[in-house]
Amino acid sequence: MSWSGHSSQVANRADLSGVAYADLLEQQNQDRIQALSGKVGAMKELAIQINEEVITQNRFLDQDLSDSMGRTVEQLRNSMRKLEQLVRSGSSYALCYGVLGIVGVLFLLHWLFPR
């Protein structure tokens, strides 16, 4: 075997190890891509769940807020009817209680709906 033949065998081995190394790198890249794909899929699923929860909470808040406003408006109407009755009765005590009632309702509204 000549020296040139030996060098070509070494070169072939180097090429084979280079090919094997490239295959190893390719496999590692594929593994990392699969791992990353799994993580992206999990994040997508989490984002979808968060979106569904936000939609549910918004519906709940809208319903709760409209119910609260409806009750508050009804209470204010009842208070105004009672105040009208007190004013019609002509009693000075009744008028004083009516004014205090209005002030109380205003404080209540201020407490329920702060800025």
PDB file of N, CA and C in Angstrom:
ATOM      1  N   MET A   1       0.842  -1.161   0.000  1.00  0.00           N
ATOM      2  CA  MET A   1       0.000   0.000   0.000  1.00  0.00           C
ATOM      3  C   MET A   1       0.894   1.232   0.000  1.00  0.00           C
ATOM      4  N   SER A   2       0.589   2.125  -0.879  1.00  0.00           N
ATOM      5  CA  SER A   2       1.398   3.328  -0.998  1.00  0.00           C
ATOM      6  C   SER A   2       0.881   4.410  -0.062  1.00  0.00           C
ATOM      7  N   TRP A   3       1.689   5.374   0.116  1.00  0.00           N
ATOM      8  CA  TRP A   3       1.334   6.493   0.981  1.00  0.00           C
ATOM      9  C   TRP A   3       0.124   7.229   0.440  1.00  0.00           C
ATOM     10  N   SER A   4       0.019   7.391  -0.838  1.00  0.00           N
ATOM     11  CA  SER A   4      -1.122   8.087  -1.418  1.00  0.00           C
ATOM     12  C   SER A   4      -2.406   7.296  -1.207  1.00  0.00           C
ATOM     13  N   GLY A   5      -2.330   5.986  -1.224  1.00  0.00           N
ATOM     14  CA  GLY A   5      -3.505   5.173  -0.939  1.00  0.00           C
ATOM     15  C   GLY A   5      -3.926   5.298   0.505  1.00  0.00           C
ATOM     16  N   HIS A   6      -2.948   5.379   1.385  1.00  0.00           N
ATOM     17  CA  HIS A   6      -3.249   5.538   2.806  1.00  0.00           C
ATOM     18  C   HIS A   6      -3.906   6.886   3.072  1.00  0.00           C
ATOM     19  N   SER A   7      -3.423   7.913   2.417  1.00  0.00           N
ATOM     20  CA  SER A   7      -4.007   9.231   2.626  1.00  0.00           C
ATOM     21  C   SER A   7      -5.433   9.290   2.087  1.00  0.00           C
ATOM     22  N   SER A   8      -5.706   8.558   1.026  1.00  0.00           N
ATOM     23  CA  SER A   8      -7.077   8.556   0.518  1.00  0.00           C
ATOM     24  C   SER A   8      -8.005   7.801   1.458  1.00  0.00           C
ATOM     25  N   GLN A   9      -7.493   6.755   2.133  1.00  0.00           N
ATOM     26  CA  GLN A   9      -8.311   6.047   3.121  1.00  0.00           C
ATOM     27  C   GLN A   9      -8.603   6.954   4.316  1.00  0.00           C
ATOM     28  N   VAL A  10      -7.609   7.711   4.755  1.00  0.00           N
ATOM     29  CA  VAL A  10      -7.802   8.657   5.861  1.00  0.00           C
ATOM     30  C   VAL A  10      -8.802   9.725   5.446  1.00  0.00           C
ATOM     31  N   ALA A  11      -8.685  10.180   4.210  1.00  0.00           N
ATOM     32  CA  ALA A  11      -9.621  11.189   3.718  1.00  0.00           C
ATOM     33  C   ALA A  11     -11.033  10.623   3.673  1.00  0.00           C
ATOM     34  N   ASN A  12     -11.180   9.347   3.254  1.00  0.00           N
ATOM     35  CA  ASN A  12     -12.503   8.723   3.229  1.00  0.00           C
ATOM     36  C   ASN A  12     -13.080   8.603   4.633  1.00  0.00           C
ATOM     37  N   ARG A  13     -12.239   8.235   5.590  1.00  0.00           N
ATOM     38  CA  ARG A  13     -12.711   8.156   6.982  1.00  0.00           C
ATOM     39  C   ARG A  13     -13.127   9.532   7.493  1.00  0.00           C
ATOM     40  N   ALA A  14     -12.351  10.543   7.153  1.00  0.00           N
ATOM     41  CA  ALA A  14     -12.686  11.903   7.569  1.00  0.00           C
ATOM     42  C   ALA A  14     -14.005  12.327   6.948  1.00  0.00           C
ATOM     43  N   ASP A  15     -14.203  11.960   5.676  1.00  0.00           N
ATOM     44  CA  ASP A  15     -15.464  12.286   5.020  1.00  0.00           C
ATOM     45  C   ASP A  15     -16.621  11.555   5.685  1.00  0.00           C
ATOM     46  N   LEU A  16     -16.392  10.285   6.025  1.00  0.00           N
ATOM     47  CA  LEU A  16     -17.448   9.529   6.694  1.00  0.00           C
ATOM     48  C   LEU A  16     -17.761  10.130   8.050  1.00  0.00           C
ATOM     49  N   SER A  17     -16.744  10.494   8.799  1.00  0.00           N
ATOM     50  CA  SER A  17     -17.017  11.089  10.103  1.00  0.00           C
ATOM     51  C   SER A  17     -17.656  12.459   9.928  1.00  0.00           C
ATOM     52  N   GLY A  18     -17.301  13.168   8.863  1.00  0.00           N
ATOM     53  CA  GLY A  18     -17.950  14.452   8.583  1.00  0.00           C
ATOM     54  C   GLY A  18     -19.414  14.259   8.234  1.00  0.00           C
ATOM     55  N   VAL A  19     -19.701  13.226   7.461  1.00  0.00           N
ATOM     56  CA  VAL A  19     -21.089  12.908   7.103  1.00  0.00           C
ATOM     57  C   VAL A  19     -21.853  12.479   8.348  1.00  0.00           C
ATOM     58  N   ALA A  20     -21.206  11.650   9.168  1.00  0.00           N
ATOM     59  CA  ALA A  20     -21.860  11.206  10.403  1.00  0.00           C
ATOM     60  C   ALA A  20     -22.111  12.390  11.328  1.00  0.00           C
ATOM     61  N   TYR A  21     -21.148  13.299  11.389  1.00  0.00           N
ATOM     62  CA  TYR A  21     -21.308  14.489  12.232  1.00  0.00           C
ATOM     63  C   TYR A  21     -22.442  15.368  11.705  1.00  0.00           C
ATOM     64  N   ALA A  22     -22.508  15.507  10.397  1.00  0.00           N
ATOM     65  CA  ALA A  22     -23.595  16.289   9.795  1.00  0.00           C
ATOM     66  C   ALA A  22     -24.944  15.630  10.073  1.00  0.00           C
ATOM     67  N   ASP A  23     -24.980  14.289   9.990  1.00  0.00           N
ATOM     68  CA  ASP A  23     -26.221  13.572  10.308  1.00  0.00           C
ATOM     69  C   ASP A  23     -26.604  13.765  11.766  1.00  0.00           C
ATOM     70  N   LEU A  24     -25.592  13.734  12.635  1.00  0.00           N
ATOM     71  CA  LEU A  24     -25.847  13.948  14.064  1.00  0.00           C
ATOM     72  C   LEU A  24     -26.411  15.342  14.308  1.00  0.00           C
ATOM     73  N   LEU A  25     -25.794  16.333  13.671  1.00  0.00           N
ATOM     74  CA  LEU A  25     -26.296  17.705  13.811  1.00  0.00           C
ATOM     75  C   LEU A  25     -27.714  17.833  13.263  1.00  0.00           C
ATOM     76  N   GLU A  26     -27.962  17.190  12.142  1.00  0.00           N
ATOM     77  CA  GLU A  26     -29.306  17.232  11.553  1.00  0.00           C
ATOM     78  C   GLU A  26     -30.332  16.602  12.494  1.00  0.00           C
ATOM     79  N   GLN A  27     -29.973  15.484  13.099  1.00  0.00           N
ATOM     80  CA  GLN A  27     -30.879  14.817  14.037  1.00  0.00           C
ATOM     81  C   GLN A  27     -31.131  15.692  15.269  1.00  0.00           C
ATOM     82  N   GLN A  28     -30.062  16.328  15.766  1.00  0.00           N
ATOM     83  CA  GLN A  28     -30.227  17.226  16.916  1.00  0.00           C
ATOM     84  C   GLN A  28     -31.138  18.394  16.559  1.00  0.00           C
ATOM     85  N   ASN A  29     -30.960  18.930  15.371  1.00  0.00           N
ATOM     86  CA  ASN A  29     -31.833  20.026  14.930  1.00  0.00           C
ATOM     87  C   ASN A  29     -33.285  19.572  14.846  1.00  0.00           C
ATOM     88  N   GLN A  30     -33.510  18.392  14.309  1.00  0.00           N
ATOM     89  CA  GLN A  30     -34.873  17.868  14.208  1.00  0.00           C
ATOM     90  C   GLN A  30     -35.482  17.671  15.594  1.00  0.00           C
ATOM     91  N   ASP A  31     -34.678  17.145  16.526  1.00  0.00           N
ATOM     92  CA  ASP A  31     -35.168  16.954  17.897  1.00  0.00           C
ATOM     93  C   ASP A  31     -35.536  18.287  18.534  1.00  0.00           C
ATOM     94  N   ARG A  32     -34.690  19.275  18.320  1.00  0.00           N
ATOM     95  CA  ARG A  32     -34.963  20.601  18.896  1.00  0.00           C
ATOM     96  C   ARG A  32     -36.189  21.240  18.252  1.00  0.00           C
ATOM     97  N   ILE A  33     -36.336  21.040  16.953  1.00  0.00           N
ATOM     98  CA  ILE A  33     -37.514  21.575  16.259  1.00  0.00           C
ATOM     99  C   ILE A  33     -38.782  20.928  16.805  1.00  0.00           C
ATOM    100  N   GLN A  34     -38.751  19.622  17.029  1.00  0.00           N
ATOM    101  CA  GLN A  34     -39.919  18.933  17.582  1.00  0.00           C
ATOM    102  C   GLN A  34     -40.224  19.426  18.994  1.00  0.00           C
ATOM    103  N   ALA A  35     -39.168  19.611  19.811  1.00  0.00           N
ATOM    104  CA  ALA A  35     -39.382  20.108  21.173  1.00  0.00           C
ATOM    105  C   ALA A  35     -39.964  21.512  21.136  1.00  0.00           C
ATOM    106  N   LEU A  36     -39.424  22.354  20.268  1.00  0.00           N
ATOM    107  CA  LEU A  36     -39.928  23.716  20.136  1.00  0.00           C
ATOM    108  C   LEU A  36     -41.361  23.721  19.625  1.00  0.00           C
ATOM    109  N   SER A  37     -41.657  22.845  18.681  1.00  0.00           N
ATOM    110  CA  SER A  37     -43.017  22.744  18.154  1.00  0.00           C
ATOM    111  C   SER A  37     -43.999  22.351  19.254  1.00  0.00           C
ATOM    112  N   GLY A  38     -43.582  21.421  20.107  1.00  0.00           N
ATOM    113  CA  GLY A  38     -44.442  21.030  21.228  1.00  0.00           C
ATOM    114  C   GLY A  38     -44.693  22.179  22.182  1.00  0.00           C
ATOM    115  N   LYS A  39     -43.642  22.960  22.447  1.00  0.00           N
ATOM    116  CA  LYS A  39     -43.794  24.106  23.354  1.00  0.00           C
ATOM    117  C   LYS A  39     -44.681  25.180  22.742  1.00  0.00           C
ATOM    118  N   VAL A  40     -44.514  25.422  21.449  1.00  0.00           N
ATOM    119  CA  VAL A  40     -45.360  26.406  20.763  1.00  0.00           C
ATOM    120  C   VAL A  40     -46.814  25.951  20.779  1.00  0.00           C
ATOM    121  N   GLY A  41     -47.039  24.663  20.559  1.00  0.00           N
ATOM    122  CA  GLY A  41     -48.404  24.131  20.612  1.00  0.00           C
ATOM    123  C   GLY A  41     -49.020  24.283  21.988  1.00  0.00           C
ATOM    124  N   ALA A  42     -48.213  24.038  23.031  1.00  0.00           N
ATOM    125  CA  ALA A  42     -48.714  24.199  24.401  1.00  0.00           C
ATOM    126  C   ALA A  42     -49.037  25.661  24.685  1.00  0.00           C
ATOM    127  N   MET A  43     -48.191  26.569  24.207  1.00  0.00           N
ATOM    128  CA  MET A  43     -48.457  27.995  24.409  1.00  0.00           C
ATOM    129  C   MET A  43     -49.707  28.433  23.651  1.00  0.00           C
ATOM    130  N   LYS A  44     -49.904  27.892  22.456  1.00  0.00           N
ATOM    131  CA  LYS A  44     -51.107  28.212  21.685  1.00  0.00           C
ATOM    132  C   LYS A  44     -52.345  27.752  22.440  1.00  0.00           C
ATOM    133  N   GLU A  45     -52.305  26.546  22.971  1.00  0.00           N
ATOM    134  CA  GLU A  45     -53.442  26.015  23.729  1.00  0.00           C
ATOM    135  C   GLU A  45     -53.713  26.873  24.964  1.00  0.00           C
ATOM    136  N   LEU A  46     -52.647  27.293  25.636  1.00  0.00           N
ATOM    137  CA  LEU A  46     -52.799  28.150  26.808  1.00  0.00           C
ATOM    138  C   LEU A  46     -53.415  29.492  26.422  1.00  0.00           C
ATOM    139  N   ALA A  47     -52.968  30.058  25.307  1.00  0.00           N
ATOM    140  CA  ALA A  47     -53.531  31.330  24.843  1.00  0.00           C
ATOM    141  C   ALA A  47     -55.011  31.187  24.507  1.00  0.00           C
ATOM    142  N   ILE A  48     -55.393  30.076  23.913  1.00  0.00           N
ATOM    143  CA  ILE A  48     -56.807  29.831  23.597  1.00  0.00           C
ATOM    144  C   ILE A  48     -57.625  29.730  24.877  1.00  0.00           C
ATOM    145  N   GLN A  49     -57.095  29.028  25.875  1.00  0.00           N
ATOM    146  CA  GLN A  49     -57.801  28.898  27.152  1.00  0.00           C
ATOM    147  C   GLN A  49     -57.932  30.248  27.845  1.00  0.00           C
ATOM    148  N   ILE A  50     -56.871  31.060  27.807  1.00  0.00           N
ATOM    149  CA  ILE A  50     -56.930  32.394  28.408  1.00  0.00           C
ATOM    150  C   ILE A  50     -57.986  33.231  27.699  1.00  0.00           C
ATOM    151  N   ASN A  51     -58.035  33.168  26.376  1.00  0.00           N
ATOM    152  CA  ASN A  51     -59.031  33.915  25.614  1.00  0.00           C
ATOM    153  C   ASN A  51     -60.447  33.500  26.001  1.00  0.00           C
ATOM    154  N   GLU A  52     -60.683  32.196  26.118  1.00  0.00           N
ATOM    155  CA  GLU A  52     -62.012  31.714  26.505  1.00  0.00           C
ATOM    156  C   GLU A  52     -62.372  32.202  27.909  1.00  0.00           C
ATOM    157  N   GLU A  53     -61.413  32.200  28.817  1.00  0.00           N
ATOM    158  CA  GLU A  53     -61.672  32.667  30.185  1.00  0.00           C
ATOM    159  C   GLU A  53     -61.985  34.161  30.203  1.00  0.00           C
ATOM    160  N   VAL A  54     -61.262  34.935  29.408  1.00  0.00           N
ATOM    161  CA  VAL A  54     -61.518  36.375  29.334  1.00  0.00           C
ATOM    162  C   VAL A  54     -62.917  36.641  28.791  1.00  0.00           C
ATOM    163  N   ILE A  55     -63.310  35.910  27.760  1.00  0.00           N
ATOM    164  CA  ILE A  55     -64.657  36.082  27.198  1.00  0.00           C
ATOM    165  C   ILE A  55     -65.714  35.751  28.246  1.00  0.00           C
ATOM    166  N   THR A  56     -65.513  34.656  28.980  1.00  0.00           N
ATOM    167  CA  THR A  56     -66.461  34.263  30.026  1.00  0.00           C
ATOM    168  C   THR A  56     -66.533  35.323  31.118  1.00  0.00           C
ATOM    169  N   GLN A  57     -65.381  35.813  31.558  1.00  0.00           N
ATOM    170  CA  GLN A  57     -65.359  36.828  32.614  1.00  0.00           C
ATOM    171  C   GLN A  57     -66.011  38.127  32.144  1.00  0.00           C
ATOM    172  N   ASN A  58     -65.796  38.508  30.888  1.00  0.00           N
ATOM    173  CA  ASN A  58     -66.431  39.721  30.366  1.00  0.00           C
ATOM    174  C   ASN A  58     -67.948  39.588  30.353  1.00  0.00           C
ATOM    175  N   ARG A  59     -68.441  38.424  29.951  1.00  0.00           N
ATOM    176  CA  ARG A  59     -69.893  38.202  29.980  1.00  0.00           C
ATOM    177  C   ARG A  59     -70.420  38.303  31.405  1.00  0.00           C
ATOM    178  N   PHE A  60     -69.705  37.692  32.329  1.00  0.00           N
ATOM    179  CA  PHE A  60     -70.116  37.726  33.731  1.00  0.00           C
ATOM    180  C   PHE A  60     -70.131  39.159  34.253  1.00  0.00           C
ATOM    181  N   LEU A  61     -69.073  39.919  33.957  1.00  0.00           N
ATOM    182  CA  LEU A  61     -69.006  41.302  34.427  1.00  0.00           C
ATOM    183  C   LEU A  61     -70.100  42.157  33.805  1.00  0.00           C
ATOM    184  N   ASP A  62     -70.345  41.977  32.510  1.00  0.00           N
ATOM    185  CA  ASP A  62     -71.403  42.744  31.851  1.00  0.00           C
ATOM    186  C   ASP A  62     -72.758  42.463  32.492  1.00  0.00           C
ATOM    187  N   GLN A  63     -73.042  41.192  32.734  1.00  0.00           N
ATOM    188  CA  GLN A  63     -74.319  40.811  33.338  1.00  0.00           C
ATOM    189  C   GLN A  63     -74.422  41.363  34.756  1.00  0.00           C
ATOM    190  N   ASP A  64     -73.355  41.215  35.539  1.00  0.00           N
ATOM    191  CA  ASP A  64     -73.358  41.674  36.926  1.00  0.00           C
ATOM    192  C   ASP A  64     -73.502  43.188  36.995  1.00  0.00           C
ATOM    193  N   LEU A  65     -72.795  43.896  36.119  1.00  0.00           N
ATOM    194  CA  LEU A  65     -72.863  45.351  36.121  1.00  0.00           C
ATOM    195  C   LEU A  65     -74.243  45.837  35.712  1.00  0.00           C
ATOM    196  N   SER A  66     -74.839  45.220  34.706  1.00  0.00           N
ATOM    197  CA  SER A  66     -76.170  45.653  34.280  1.00  0.00           C
ATOM    198  C   SER A  66     -77.205  45.354  35.364  1.00  0.00           C
ATOM    199  N   ASP A  67     -77.050  44.219  36.065  1.00  0.00           N
ATOM    200  CA  ASP A  67     -77.959  43.913  37.170  1.00  0.00           C
ATOM    201  C   ASP A  67     -77.819  44.937  38.286  1.00  0.00           C
ATOM    202  N   SER A  68     -76.585  45.296  38.621  1.00  0.00           N
ATOM    203  CA  SER A  68     -76.344  46.278  39.682  1.00  0.00           C
ATOM    204  C   SER A  68     -76.920  47.634  39.307  1.00  0.00           C
ATOM    205  N   MET A  69     -76.717  48.037  38.061  1.00  0.00           N
ATOM    206  CA  MET A  69     -77.248  49.327  37.624  1.00  0.00           C
ATOM    207  C   MET A  69     -78.774  49.311  37.636  1.00  0.00           C
ATOM    208  N   GLY A  70     -79.369  48.213  37.224  1.00  0.00           N
ATOM    209  CA  GLY A  70     -80.827  48.113  37.244  1.00  0.00           C
ATOM    210  C   GLY A  70     -81.380  48.224  38.655  1.00  0.00           C
ATOM    211  N   ARG A  71     -80.727  47.551  39.603  1.00  0.00           N
ATOM    212  CA  ARG A  71     -81.174  47.641  41.004  1.00  0.00           C
ATOM    213  C   ARG A  71     -80.994  49.054  41.547  1.00  0.00           C
ATOM    214  N   THR A  72     -79.893  49.693  41.201  1.00  0.00           N
ATOM    215  CA  THR A  72     -79.632  51.045  41.687  1.00  0.00           C
ATOM    216  C   THR A  72     -80.652  52.025  41.130  1.00  0.00           C
ATOM    217  N   VAL A  73     -80.955  51.905  39.856  1.00  0.00           N
ATOM    218  CA  VAL A  73     -81.951  52.794  39.242  1.00  0.00           C
ATOM    219  C   VAL A  73     -83.312  52.579  39.896  1.00  0.00           C
ATOM    220  N   GLU A  74     -83.677  51.332  40.147  1.00  0.00           N
ATOM    221  CA  GLU A  74     -84.965  51.041  40.787  1.00  0.00           C
ATOM    222  C   GLU A  74     -85.012  51.610  42.203  1.00  0.00           C
ATOM    223  N   GLN A  75     -83.926  51.482  42.943  1.00  0.00           N
ATOM    224  CA  GLN A  75     -83.879  52.041  44.298  1.00  0.00           C
ATOM    225  C   GLN A  75     -83.993  53.561  44.261  1.00  0.00           C
ATOM    226  N   LEU A  76     -83.358  54.177  43.297  1.00  0.00           N
ATOM    227  CA  LEU A  76     -83.445  55.630  43.170  1.00  0.00           C
ATOM    228  C   LEU A  76     -84.870  56.055  42.822  1.00  0.00           C
ATOM    229  N   ARG A  77     -85.541  55.323  41.953  1.00  0.00           N
ATOM    230  CA  ARG A  77     -86.937  55.641  41.624  1.00  0.00           C
ATOM    231  C   ARG A  77     -87.827  55.520  42.859  1.00  0.00           C
ATOM    232  N   ASN A  78     -87.632  54.450  43.624  1.00  0.00           N
ATOM    233  CA  ASN A  78     -88.427  54.281  44.846  1.00  0.00           C
ATOM    234  C   ASN A  78     -88.174  55.417  45.823  1.00  0.00           C
ATOM    235  N   SER A  79     -86.928  55.826  45.953  1.00  0.00           N
ATOM    236  CA  SER A  79     -86.601  56.936  46.856  1.00  0.00           C
ATOM    237  C   SER A  79     -87.259  58.226  46.388  1.00  0.00           C
ATOM    238  N   MET A  80     -87.250  58.459  45.089  1.00  0.00           N
ATOM    239  CA  MET A  80     -87.874  59.672  44.570  1.00  0.00           C
ATOM    240  C   MET A  80     -89.388  59.651  44.785  1.00  0.00           C
ATOM    241  N   ARG A  81     -90.020  58.496  44.633  1.00  0.00           N
ATOM    242  CA  ARG A  81     -91.464  58.405  44.902  1.00  0.00           C
ATOM    243  C   ARG A  81     -91.763  58.716  46.364  1.00  0.00           C
ATOM    244  N   LYS A  82     -90.951  58.156  47.245  1.00  0.00           N
ATOM    245  CA  LYS A  82     -91.156  58.413  48.673  1.00  0.00           C
ATOM    246  C   LYS A  82     -90.935  59.883  48.997  1.00  0.00           C
ATOM    247  N   LEU A  83     -89.950  60.494  48.362  1.00  0.00           N
ATOM    248  CA  LEU A  83     -89.695  61.916  48.588  1.00  0.00           C
ATOM    249  C   LEU A  83     -90.874  62.755  48.100  1.00  0.00           C
ATOM    250  N   GLU A  84     -91.422  62.399  46.945  1.00  0.00           N
ATOM    251  CA  GLU A  84     -92.593  63.124  46.442  1.00  0.00           C
ATOM    252  C   GLU A  84     -93.760  63.003  47.418  1.00  0.00           C
ATOM    253  N   GLN A  85     -93.942  61.826  47.991  1.00  0.00           N
ATOM    254  CA  GLN A  85     -95.017  61.636  48.968  1.00  0.00           C
ATOM    255  C   GLN A  85     -94.769  62.490  50.207  1.00  0.00           C
ATOM    256  N   LEU A  86     -93.515  62.588  50.631  1.00  0.00           N
ATOM    257  CA  LEU A  86     -93.202  63.395  51.805  1.00  0.00           C
ATOM    258  C   LEU A  86     -93.446  64.872  51.543  1.00  0.00           C
ATOM    259  N   VAL A  87     -93.075  65.334  50.356  1.00  0.00           N
ATOM    260  CA  VAL A  87     -93.280  66.740  50.021  1.00  0.00           C
ATOM    261  C   VAL A  87     -94.772  67.046  49.953  1.00  0.00           C
ATOM    262  N   ARG A  88     -95.559  66.134  49.406  1.00  0.00           N
ATOM    263  CA  ARG A  88     -97.004  66.345  49.311  1.00  0.00           C
ATOM    264  C   ARG A  88     -97.670  66.350  50.681  1.00  0.00           C
ATOM    265  N   SER A  89     -97.100  65.602  51.617  1.00  0.00           N
ATOM    266  CA  SER A  89     -97.727  65.534  52.942  1.00  0.00           C
ATOM    267  C   SER A  89     -97.627  66.867  53.673  1.00  0.00           C
ATOM    268  N   GLY A  90     -96.625  67.688  53.349  1.00  0.00           N
ATOM    269  CA  GLY A  90     -96.533  69.013  53.934  1.00  0.00           C
ATOM    270  C   GLY A  90     -95.889  69.049  55.303  1.00  0.00           C
ATOM    271  N   SER A  91     -95.489  67.964  55.871  1.00  0.00           N
ATOM    272  CA  SER A  91     -94.868  67.937  57.191  1.00  0.00           C
ATOM    273  C   SER A  91     -93.417  68.400  57.084  1.00  0.00           C
ATOM    274  N   SER A  92     -92.997  69.280  58.000  1.00  0.00           N
ATOM    275  CA  SER A  92     -91.621  69.779  57.979  1.00  0.00           C
ATOM    276  C   SER A  92     -90.641  68.670  58.356  1.00  0.00           C
ATOM    277  N   TYR A  93     -91.077  67.788  59.278  1.00  0.00           N
ATOM    278  CA  TYR A  93     -90.209  66.656  59.626  1.00  0.00           C
ATOM    279  C   TYR A  93     -90.047  65.722  58.426  1.00  0.00           C
ATOM    280  N   ALA A  94     -91.130  65.538  57.723  1.00  0.00           N
ATOM    281  CA  ALA A  94     -91.082  64.660  56.559  1.00  0.00           C
ATOM    282  C   ALA A  94     -90.141  65.233  55.500  1.00  0.00           C
ATOM    283  N   LEU A  95     -90.171  66.548  55.308  1.00  0.00           N
ATOM    284  CA  LEU A  95     -89.281  67.188  54.348  1.00  0.00           C
ATOM    285  C   LEU A  95     -87.824  67.038  54.776  1.00  0.00           C
ATOM    286  N   CYS A  96     -87.567  67.195  56.062  1.00  0.00           N
ATOM    287  CA  CYS A  96     -86.209  67.031  56.589  1.00  0.00           C
ATOM    288  C   CYS A  96     -85.725  65.596  56.372  1.00  0.00           C
ATOM    289  N   TYR A  97     -86.586  64.639  56.669  1.00  0.00           N
ATOM    290  CA  TYR A  97     -86.219  63.237  56.445  1.00  0.00           C
ATOM    291  C   TYR A  97     -85.991  62.953  54.952  1.00  0.00           C
ATOM    292  N   GLY A  98     -86.766  63.589  54.133  1.00  0.00           N
ATOM    293  CA  GLY A  98     -86.597  63.414  52.692  1.00  0.00           C
ATOM    294  C   GLY A  98     -85.246  63.927  52.210  1.00  0.00           C
ATOM    295  N   VAL A  99     -84.872  65.109  52.696  1.00  0.00           N
ATOM    296  CA  VAL A  99     -83.568  65.670  52.321  1.00  0.00           C
ATOM    297  C   VAL A  99     -82.451  64.761  52.820  1.00  0.00           C
ATOM    298  N   LEU A 100     -82.568  64.293  54.054  1.00  0.00           N
ATOM    299  CA  LEU A 100     -81.563  63.367  54.585  1.00  0.00           C
ATOM    300  C   LEU A 100     -81.523  62.070  53.767  1.00  0.00           C
ATOM    301  N   GLY A 101     -82.675  61.626  53.341  1.00  0.00           N
ATOM    302  CA  GLY A 101     -82.730  60.422  52.510  1.00  0.00           C
ATOM    303  C   GLY A 101     -82.013  60.616  51.180  1.00  0.00           C
ATOM    304  N   ILE A 102     -82.232  61.777  50.558  1.00  0.00           N
ATOM    305  CA  ILE A 102     -81.557  62.065  49.289  1.00  0.00           C
ATOM    306  C   ILE A 102     -80.046  62.119  49.486  1.00  0.00           C
ATOM    307  N   VAL A 103     -79.631  62.798  50.552  1.00  0.00           N
ATOM    308  CA  VAL A 103     -78.196  62.863  50.844  1.00  0.00           C
ATOM    309  C   VAL A 103     -77.644  61.455  51.079  1.00  0.00           C
ATOM    310  N   GLY A 104     -78.412  60.638  51.793  1.00  0.00           N
ATOM    311  CA  GLY A 104     -77.980  59.255  52.031  1.00  0.00           C
ATOM    312  C   GLY A 104     -77.850  58.472  50.740  1.00  0.00           C
ATOM    313  N   VAL A 105     -78.814  58.649  49.833  1.00  0.00           N
ATOM    314  CA  VAL A 105     -78.753  57.953  48.541  1.00  0.00           C
ATOM    315  C   VAL A 105     -77.535  58.423  47.746  1.00  0.00           C
ATOM    316  N   LEU A 106     -77.270  59.725  47.781  1.00  0.00           N
ATOM    317  CA  LEU A 106     -76.107  60.235  47.059  1.00  0.00           C
ATOM    318  C   LEU A 106     -74.808  59.662  47.622  1.00  0.00           C
ATOM    319  N   PHE A 107     -74.704  59.595  48.957  1.00  0.00           N
ATOM    320  CA  PHE A 107     -73.520  58.980  49.560  1.00  0.00           C
ATOM    321  C   PHE A 107     -73.419  57.502  49.175  1.00  0.00           C
ATOM    322  N   LEU A 108     -74.544  56.831  49.151  1.00  0.00           N
ATOM    323  CA  LEU A 108     -74.555  55.421  48.768  1.00  0.00           C
ATOM    324  C   LEU A 108     -74.082  55.246  47.324  1.00  0.00           C
ATOM    325  N   LEU A 109     -74.580  56.080  46.434  1.00  0.00           N
ATOM    326  CA  LEU A 109     -74.148  56.010  45.038  1.00  0.00           C
ATOM    327  C   LEU A 109     -72.664  56.323  44.898  1.00  0.00           C
ATOM    328  N   HIS A 110     -72.211  57.321  45.676  1.00  0.00           N
ATOM    329  CA  HIS A 110     -70.788  57.662  45.641  1.00  0.00           C
ATOM    330  C   HIS A 110     -69.944  56.501  46.147  1.00  0.00           C
ATOM    331  N   TRP A 111     -70.428  55.807  47.148  1.00  0.00           N
ATOM    332  CA  TRP A 111     -69.693  54.665  47.713  1.00  0.00           C
ATOM    333  C   TRP A 111     -69.715  53.468  46.758  1.00  0.00           C
ATOM    334  N   LEU A 112     -70.855  53.251  46.088  1.00  0.00           N
ATOM    335  CA  LEU A 112     -70.961  52.121  45.163  1.00  0.00           C
ATOM    336  C   LEU A 112     -70.171  52.338  43.876  1.00  0.00           C
ATOM    337  N   PHE A 113     -70.102  53.556  43.420  1.00  0.00           N
ATOM    338  CA  PHE A 113     -69.447  53.856  42.140  1.00  0.00           C
ATOM    339  C   PHE A 113     -68.367  54.919  42.318  1.00  0.00           C
ATOM    340  N   PRO A 114     -67.276  54.565  42.977  1.00  0.00           N
ATOM    341  CA  PRO A 114     -66.193  55.552  43.141  1.00  0.00           C
ATOM    342  C   PRO A 114     -65.507  55.805  41.805  1.00  0.00           C
ATOM    343  N   ARG A 115     -64.798  56.870  41.708  1.00  0.00           N
ATOM    344  CA  ARG A 115     -64.112  57.221  40.456  1.00  0.00           C
ATOM    345  C   ARG A 115     -62.921  56.368  40.224  1.00  0.00           C
TER     346      ARG A 115
END
